[in-house]
Amino acid sequence: MANTESTGAAAIAHEAVERISINQRAGVWRVAVSGHFYGDYVRKYWALKAAFEKADEISASGGAATINWTIDGQQNTLLYDTRRPAPRAKAKRA
């Protein structure tokens, strides 16, 4: 008997999630989308901005994305999931 849960819509939705990862090494922040190189950044802020913009782009086109990062020894810490969006405040400009 086949496992219907793994062949149902839940499995399809799980497979459709784009995984955006941010890793820092030797002062360079690398962003990858589903294991494919997306960009190298010398500032953490720039890497985070690029990752969130890519996640928003994927979400706007009907997809789903997660952002994970490895920092301070914490491996693959979930930072953001477009399927469970949290409000993001606009930066205040002086």
Protein backbone atom coordinates (compact mmCIF):
# COMPACT_ATOMS: atom_id res chain seq x y z
CA MET A 1 0.00 0.00 0.00
CA ALA A 2 1.40 3.38 -1.04
CA ASN A 3 1.95 6.17 1.42
CA THR A 4 -0.74 8.60 0.24
CA GLU A 5 0.60 11.44 2.35
CA SER A 6 3.91 11.50 0.46
CA THR A 7 2.14 11.42 -2.90
CA GLY A 8 -0.49 14.03 -2.06
CA ALA A 9 -0.63 17.80 -2.29
CA ALA A 10 1.49 18.17 0.85
CA ALA A 11 4.44 16.51 -0.87
CA ILE A 12 4.02 18.67 -3.97
CA ALA A 13 3.87 21.83 -1.86
CA HIS A 14 6.95 20.71 0.08
CA GLU A 15 8.92 20.12 -3.11
CA ALA A 16 7.94 23.50 -4.55
CA VAL A 17 9.67 25.49 -1.80
CA GLU A 18 12.76 27.37 -2.97
CA ARG A 19 15.46 27.25 -0.31
CA ILE A 20 17.54 30.39 -0.03
CA SER A 21 20.67 29.95 2.07
CA ILE A 22 23.11 32.51 3.44
CA ASN A 23 26.57 31.39 4.56
CA GLN A 24 29.54 33.46 5.66
CA ARG A 25 33.13 32.45 5.03
CA ALA A 26 36.31 34.51 5.01
CA GLY A 27 34.39 37.77 5.18
CA VAL A 28 32.13 36.96 2.21
CA TRP A 29 28.41 36.28 2.52
CA ARG A 30 27.25 33.79 -0.11
CA VAL A 31 23.59 33.55 -1.11
CA ALA A 32 22.35 30.44 -2.92
CA VAL A 33 18.88 29.55 -4.19
CA SER A 34 18.09 25.83 -4.06
CA GLY A 35 21.79 25.08 -4.00
CA HIS A 36 22.63 27.28 -6.98
CA PHE A 37 24.89 30.32 -6.64
CA TYR A 38 22.97 33.59 -6.47
CA GLY A 39 25.53 36.13 -5.23
CA ASP A 40 28.51 36.99 -3.02
CA TYR A 41 28.35 40.04 -0.76
CA VAL A 42 30.93 41.70 1.48
CA ARG A 43 28.30 43.04 3.85
CA LYS A 44 25.79 40.94 5.80
CA TYR A 45 23.08 43.55 5.18
CA TRP A 46 23.51 43.26 1.40
CA ALA A 47 23.24 39.46 1.55
CA LEU A 48 20.11 39.66 3.71
CA LYS A 49 18.56 42.26 1.42
CA ALA A 50 19.25 40.13 -1.66
CA ALA A 51 17.81 37.03 0.02
CA PHE A 52 14.62 38.80 1.12
CA GLU A 53 14.16 40.41 -2.30
CA LYS A 54 14.52 37.00 -3.98
CA ALA A 55 12.07 35.44 -1.50
CA ASP A 56 9.57 38.24 -2.20
CA GLU A 57 10.03 37.74 -5.96
CA ILE A 58 9.37 34.00 -5.64
CA SER A 59 6.33 34.63 -3.44
CA ALA A 60 4.92 37.26 -5.83
CA SER A 61 5.09 34.73 -8.68
CA GLY A 62 3.02 32.24 -6.66
CA GLY A 63 5.86 30.17 -5.22
CA ALA A 64 7.13 29.69 -1.70
CA ALA A 65 10.59 30.29 -0.26
CA THR A 66 12.48 29.86 2.96
CA ILE A 67 15.61 31.73 4.02
CA ASN A 68 18.11 29.81 6.15
CA TRP A 69 21.47 31.02 7.35
CA THR A 70 24.51 29.66 9.06
CA ILE A 71 25.98 32.09 11.55
CA ASP A 72 27.86 31.79 14.83
CA GLY A 73 27.95 28.00 14.62
CA GLN A 74 24.18 27.66 14.17
CA GLN A 75 23.63 25.51 11.09
CA ASN A 76 20.67 26.20 8.77
CA THR A 77 18.72 28.42 11.15
CA LEU A 78 15.33 29.32 9.66
CA LEU A 79 15.21 33.06 9.24
CA TYR A 80 12.07 33.54 7.13
CA ASP A 81 9.33 31.49 5.45
CA THR A 82 7.05 33.15 2.88
CA ARG A 83 4.31 30.66 3.77
CA ARG A 84 4.21 32.18 7.28
CA PRO A 85 5.05 35.83 6.69
CA ALA A 86 5.72 38.09 9.62
CA PRO A 87 5.26 41.81 9.24
CA ARG A 88 8.46 43.62 8.32
CA ALA A 89 8.70 47.24 9.36
CA LYS A 90 9.86 49.78 6.81
CA ALA A 91 13.21 51.30 7.64
CA LYS A 92 12.89 54.79 9.07
CA ARG A 93 14.66 57.40 7.02
CA ALA A 94 16.11 60.46 8.69
